[in-house]
Amino acid sequence: MRIDLHVHSNASDGTDAPADIMSRAKAAGLDVVALTDHDTQGGLAEARAALPAGLTLIPGMELSCELAGRSVHLLAYLFDPADPVLNAETAQIRDDRTYRAKAMVERMRELGADVSWEQVEAIADGAVVGRPHLARALAASGAIATPADAFTDDWIGDGGRAFVDRYAPDLGRAVGLVRAAGGVPVLAHPRSPGYEIPDDVIESLAGAGLGGIEVFHFDHDKTARTRLTQLARSLNLIMTGGSDDHGSYQPGGQPSRGLGADTMPQQEYERLLALAG
């Protein structure tokens, strides 16, 4: 089986509609795909309605979290979509994303960029607004050459001149929320630059309900994958993976690699299914 459990649609910061992603997943030869938009389930209904025969859709989200003052991400799979506590938390995250994005637009304007909130809203087109939308607006204004150039100290990189922090739940608390909703919490790309999660934190989370680690990710080289595999096995954690596909645009300026560029072993997928509920 070919299994990709990390994909984004235009319900958050991807470029493609959920229905189009299901078609692309089928064309890419995938057997299982997870839709993991940032802090929203907004694309899942459309994805389910467009699901081709022979393709399994795993419902998910990628939750924005905080660890020692840094942004980190937690993948959540197979949770109760109606869980009131988890839904309230993600609503708060989304609301604060909007307040933050508006403040960043104002800072970019103060720095001389001809951008507006209306432009950002048009680019997001109803999706949860994130920095990639701001980066595209900044590039369209001519202030920078490409959206990737926005993620620097000059603009909206972490700590940059136009950067504004936002609310996110503590990582440990988020793990508990996902488990309480019947889902499986998995650390997203814990060796990605800027999103690193130390081994001792992972060990602590494993004792508090963490279900897995995303091992197979394009930010993880062979050495990182080997170390994460050893760590996951020592802690009895599931090893997941996926393309982190965002369609034709990738945050941070990475080239789009396509659905199925990274996949996960079938036995690990079966362990994830068994852990849910």
Protein backbone atom coordinates (compact mmCIF):
# COMPACT_ATOMS: atom_id res chain seq x y z
CA MET A 1 0.00 0.00 0.00
CA ARG A 2 1.07 3.60 -0.69
CA ILE A 3 0.07 5.78 2.26
CA ASP A 4 0.53 9.57 2.50
CA LEU A 5 -0.68 10.97 5.84
CA HIS A 6 0.33 14.63 5.53
CA VAL A 7 -1.46 16.76 2.92
CA HIS A 8 -2.84 20.33 2.88
CA SER A 9 -5.67 21.82 0.83
CA ASN A 10 -6.89 25.35 0.25
CA ALA A 11 -8.93 25.01 3.44
CA SER A 12 -5.64 26.15 5.03
CA ASP A 13 -2.44 27.06 3.18
CA GLY A 14 -2.48 24.65 0.24
CA THR A 15 -3.37 25.74 -3.28
CA ASP A 16 -5.72 22.94 -4.36
CA ALA A 17 -9.33 22.23 -3.45
CA PRO A 18 -9.93 19.07 -1.38
CA ALA A 19 -11.76 17.44 -4.30
CA ASP A 20 -8.80 18.08 -6.59
CA ILE A 21 -6.45 16.57 -4.01
CA MET A 22 -8.49 13.36 -3.98
CA SER A 23 -8.18 13.17 -7.77
CA ARG A 24 -4.44 13.83 -7.61
CA ALA A 25 -4.02 11.22 -4.90
CA LYS A 26 -5.70 8.61 -7.06
CA ALA A 27 -3.58 9.60 -10.07
CA ALA A 28 -0.44 9.37 -7.92
CA GLY A 29 -1.24 5.75 -7.11
CA LEU A 30 -2.01 6.30 -3.45
CA ASP A 31 -4.16 3.85 -1.53
CA VAL A 32 -4.57 6.03 1.58
CA VAL A 33 -4.38 9.80 1.99
CA ALA A 34 -4.91 12.02 5.05
CA LEU A 35 -6.11 15.60 4.78
CA THR A 36 -4.29 17.48 7.55
CA ASP A 37 -5.08 21.16 7.15
CA HIS A 38 -3.82 23.61 9.75
CA ASP A 39 -6.22 23.91 12.69
CA THR A 40 -9.34 23.15 10.64
CA GLN A 41 -11.55 20.31 9.44
CA GLY A 42 -13.01 22.62 6.82
CA GLY A 43 -11.94 20.60 3.78
CA LEU A 44 -12.97 17.12 4.92
CA ALA A 45 -16.59 17.16 3.76
CA GLU A 46 -15.61 18.11 0.21
CA ALA A 47 -12.84 15.50 0.22
CA ARG A 48 -15.24 12.76 1.34
CA ALA A 49 -17.78 13.72 -1.32
CA ALA A 50 -15.12 13.51 -4.04
CA LEU A 51 -13.37 10.34 -2.83
CA PRO A 52 -12.57 8.06 -5.79
CA ALA A 53 -13.20 4.34 -5.58
CA GLY A 54 -10.26 2.49 -4.09
CA LEU A 55 -8.86 5.47 -2.17
CA THR A 56 -9.19 5.68 1.63
CA LEU A 57 -9.41 9.10 3.28
CA ILE A 58 -8.09 9.50 6.83
CA PRO A 59 -9.49 12.60 8.58
CA GLY A 60 -6.88 14.72 10.28
CA MET A 61 -5.56 18.15 11.23
CA GLU A 62 -2.17 19.71 11.85
CA LEU A 63 -2.45 21.60 15.12
CA SER A 64 -0.37 24.68 15.82
CA CYS A 65 1.28 24.24 19.23
CA GLU A 66 3.83 25.89 21.46
CA LEU A 67 6.92 24.40 23.10
CA ALA A 68 9.14 26.60 25.27
CA GLY A 69 8.14 29.70 23.35
CA ARG A 70 8.59 28.10 19.91
CA SER A 71 6.06 27.03 17.31
CA VAL A 72 5.77 23.26 16.79
CA HIS A 73 3.15 21.15 15.04
CA LEU A 74 1.09 18.13 16.08
CA LEU A 75 -0.72 15.91 13.58
CA ALA A 76 -4.07 14.59 14.80
CA TYR A 77 -5.79 11.61 13.19
CA LEU A 78 -9.14 9.86 13.54
CA PHE A 79 -10.49 12.05 16.36
CA ASP A 80 -14.19 12.68 17.01
CA PRO A 81 -15.01 15.58 14.63
CA ALA A 82 -17.71 16.82 17.03
CA ASP A 83 -15.55 16.85 20.16
CA PRO A 84 -16.48 20.18 21.80
CA VAL A 85 -13.21 20.78 23.64
CA LEU A 86 -10.97 20.16 20.63
CA ASN A 87 -13.27 22.23 18.42
CA ALA A 88 -13.20 25.13 20.87
CA GLU A 89 -9.41 25.00 20.95
CA THR A 90 -9.02 25.02 17.18
CA ALA A 91 -11.55 27.84 16.88
CA GLN A 92 -9.44 29.92 19.26
CA ILE A 93 -6.30 29.14 17.25
CA ARG A 94 -8.01 30.17 14.00
CA ASP A 95 -9.39 33.38 15.49
CA ASP A 96 -5.98 34.38 16.75
CA ARG A 97 -4.46 33.56 13.35
CA THR A 98 -6.73 36.25 11.89
CA TYR A 99 -5.84 38.87 14.50
CA ARG A 100 -2.16 38.09 14.03
CA ALA A 101 -2.32 38.22 10.23
CA LYS A 102 -4.02 41.62 10.33
CA ALA A 103 -1.31 42.93 12.65
CA MET A 104 1.39 41.60 10.33
CA VAL A 105 -0.22 43.32 7.36
CA GLU A 106 -0.06 46.59 9.27
CA ARG A 107 3.62 46.03 10.07
CA MET A 108 4.39 45.24 6.42
CA ARG A 109 2.65 48.45 5.36
CA GLU A 110 4.68 50.42 7.91
CA LEU A 111 7.78 48.92 6.32
CA GLY A 112 6.71 50.24 2.92
CA ALA A 113 4.97 47.24 1.34
CA ASP A 114 1.83 47.99 -0.67
CA VAL A 115 -0.30 45.19 0.78
CA SER A 116 -3.78 45.17 2.28
CA TRP A 117 -5.91 42.86 4.36
CA GLU A 118 -8.35 42.61 1.45
CA GLN A 119 -5.56 41.25 -0.78
CA VAL A 120 -4.61 38.65 1.82
CA GLU A 121 -8.26 37.59 2.22
CA ALA A 122 -8.57 37.20 -1.54
CA ILE A 123 -5.48 35.00 -1.68
CA ALA A 124 -6.71 32.88 1.24
CA ASP A 125 -10.14 32.61 -0.42
CA GLY A 126 -11.95 31.59 2.76
CA ALA A 127 -9.16 29.39 4.12
CA VAL A 128 -7.50 29.70 7.51
CA VAL A 129 -5.07 32.60 6.99
CA GLY A 130 -1.41 31.80 7.49
CA ARG A 131 1.97 33.29 6.74
CA PRO A 132 2.13 31.69 3.26
CA HIS A 133 -0.85 33.86 2.23
CA LEU A 134 0.93 36.95 3.57
CA ALA A 135 4.08 35.94 1.69
CA ARG A 136 2.18 35.66 -1.57
CA ALA A 137 0.61 39.10 -1.04
CA LEU A 138 4.02 40.56 -0.28
CA ALA A 139 5.48 39.09 -3.47
CA ALA A 140 2.51 40.35 -5.51
CA SER A 141 3.19 43.86 -4.17
CA GLY A 142 6.70 43.80 -5.61
CA ALA A 143 8.34 44.28 -2.21
CA ILE A 144 10.09 40.90 -2.64
CA ALA A 145 10.84 38.73 -5.65
CA THR A 146 9.29 35.46 -4.51
CA PRO A 147 7.10 34.34 -1.56
CA ALA A 148 10.08 32.48 -0.13
CA ASP A 149 11.84 35.82 0.37
CA ALA A 150 9.20 36.78 2.96
CA PHE A 151 10.46 34.24 5.49
CA THR A 152 13.45 36.30 6.61
CA ASP A 153 14.31 38.68 9.44
CA ASP A 154 13.43 41.56 7.10
CA TRP A 155 9.81 40.48 6.85
CA ILE A 156 7.78 37.64 8.42
CA GLY A 157 10.36 35.07 9.41
CA ASP A 158 10.29 34.13 13.09
CA GLY A 159 11.30 37.25 14.99
CA GLY A 160 11.37 39.34 11.80
CA ARG A 161 10.45 43.01 11.53
CA ALA A 162 6.85 42.24 10.51
CA PHE A 163 6.46 39.08 12.60
CA VAL A 164 3.70 38.89 15.21
CA ASP A 165 3.34 35.96 17.59
CA ARG A 166 0.00 34.22 18.16
CA TYR A 167 -1.85 31.92 20.51
CA ALA A 168 -1.13 28.21 20.39
CA PRO A 169 -1.74 25.52 23.04
CA ASP A 170 1.11 23.90 24.89
CA LEU A 171 2.25 20.79 23.02
CA GLY A 172 1.60 18.47 25.97
CA ARG A 173 -1.90 19.87 26.42
CA ALA A 174 -2.63 19.41 22.71
CA VAL A 175 -1.58 15.75 22.91
CA GLY A 176 -4.10 15.28 25.72
CA LEU A 177 -6.88 17.04 23.80
CA VAL A 178 -6.44 14.79 20.77
CA ARG A 179 -6.37 11.62 22.88
CA ALA A 180 -9.45 12.75 24.83
CA ALA A 181 -11.24 13.20 21.49
CA GLY A 182 -10.47 9.58 20.58
CA GLY A 183 -7.71 10.50 18.13
CA VAL A 184 -4.08 9.64 17.61
CA PRO A 185 -1.58 12.49 18.21
CA VAL A 186 1.63 12.36 16.16
CA LEU A 187 4.54 14.81 16.27
CA ALA A 188 4.89 16.53 12.89
CA HIS A 189 8.40 16.66 11.34
CA PRO A 190 10.22 16.93 14.71
CA ARG A 191 13.60 17.48 13.02
CA SER A 192 12.51 20.26 10.64
CA PRO A 193 14.66 23.38 11.05
CA GLY A 194 12.97 25.66 13.57
CA TYR A 195 10.47 23.00 14.61
CA GLU A 196 12.83 20.61 16.38
CA ILE A 197 11.52 18.65 19.35
CA PRO A 198 14.22 17.24 21.67
CA ASP A 199 14.38 13.54 22.47
CA ASP A 200 13.72 14.10 26.16
CA VAL A 201 10.50 15.98 25.34
CA ILE A 202 9.40 13.16 23.04
CA GLU A 203 10.10 10.64 25.79
CA SER A 204 7.99 12.66 28.22
CA LEU A 205 5.13 13.00 25.74
CA ALA A 206 5.22 9.26 25.04
CA GLY A 207 4.29 8.72 28.66
CA ALA A 208 1.47 11.25 28.39
CA GLY A 209 -0.41 9.83 25.43
CA LEU A 210 1.65 10.62 22.33
CA GLY A 211 0.88 8.04 19.65
CA GLY A 212 3.60 8.53 17.08
CA ILE A 213 6.36 10.46 15.34
CA GLU A 214 6.40 11.61 11.73
CA VAL A 215 9.62 9.97 10.57
CA PHE A 216 9.24 9.99 6.78
CA HIS A 217 9.31 13.70 5.83
CA PHE A 218 11.36 15.62 3.29
CA ASP A 219 13.06 17.68 6.01
CA HIS A 220 14.48 14.49 7.56
CA ASP A 221 17.67 13.20 6.00
CA LYS A 222 18.85 9.60 6.34
CA THR A 223 20.57 10.28 9.66
CA ALA A 224 17.49 11.94 11.14
CA ARG A 225 15.23 9.14 9.94
CA THR A 226 17.51 6.51 11.45
CA ARG A 227 17.61 8.29 14.80
CA LEU A 228 13.86 8.88 14.85
CA THR A 229 13.22 5.25 13.93
CA GLN A 230 15.37 4.11 16.85
CA LEU A 231 13.61 6.52 19.19
CA ALA A 232 10.13 5.48 18.04
CA ARG A 233 10.93 1.80 18.50
CA SER A 234 12.38 2.38 21.97
CA LEU A 235 9.20 4.23 23.02
CA ASN A 236 6.73 1.99 21.12
CA LEU A 237 5.56 4.94 19.01
CA ILE A 238 4.03 4.67 15.54
CA MET A 239 6.20 5.92 12.66
CA THR A 240 4.16 7.94 10.18
CA GLY A 241 5.07 9.85 7.04
CA GLY A 242 3.79 11.91 4.19
CA SER A 243 4.58 14.41 1.50
CA ASP A 244 3.45 17.55 3.39
CA ASP A 245 2.08 18.51 -0.01
CA HIS A 246 0.66 22.02 -0.42
CA GLY A 247 -0.10 21.83 -4.15
CA SER A 248 1.72 24.18 -6.50
CA TYR A 249 3.07 26.33 -3.68
CA GLN A 250 5.17 25.14 -0.76
CA PRO A 251 5.65 27.30 2.37
CA GLY A 252 9.19 28.49 2.74
CA GLY A 253 9.76 28.27 -1.00
CA GLN A 254 10.58 24.56 -1.26
CA PRO A 255 9.74 23.09 -4.67
CA SER A 256 6.53 21.09 -4.77
CA ARG A 257 7.40 17.39 -4.72
CA GLY A 258 3.93 15.97 -5.23
CA LEU A 259 1.61 13.63 -3.39
CA GLY A 260 3.25 10.37 -2.37
CA ALA A 261 6.77 11.85 -2.42
CA ASP A 262 7.09 10.39 1.08
CA THR A 263 4.97 7.52 2.35
CA MET A 264 4.82 5.28 5.41
CA PRO A 265 4.92 1.50 5.96
CA GLN A 266 1.62 -0.36 5.89
CA GLN A 267 2.24 -2.04 9.25
CA GLU A 268 2.64 1.36 10.90
CA TYR A 269 -0.60 2.55 9.32
CA GLU A 270 -2.38 -0.52 10.71
CA ARG A 271 -0.99 0.29 14.19
CA LEU A 272 -2.39 3.82 13.88
CA LEU A 273 -5.86 2.49 13.00
CA ALA A 274 -5.73 0.15 15.99
CA LEU A 275 -4.81 2.98 18.38
CA ALA A 276 -7.73 5.26 17.45
CA GLY A 277 -10.98 5.31 19.38
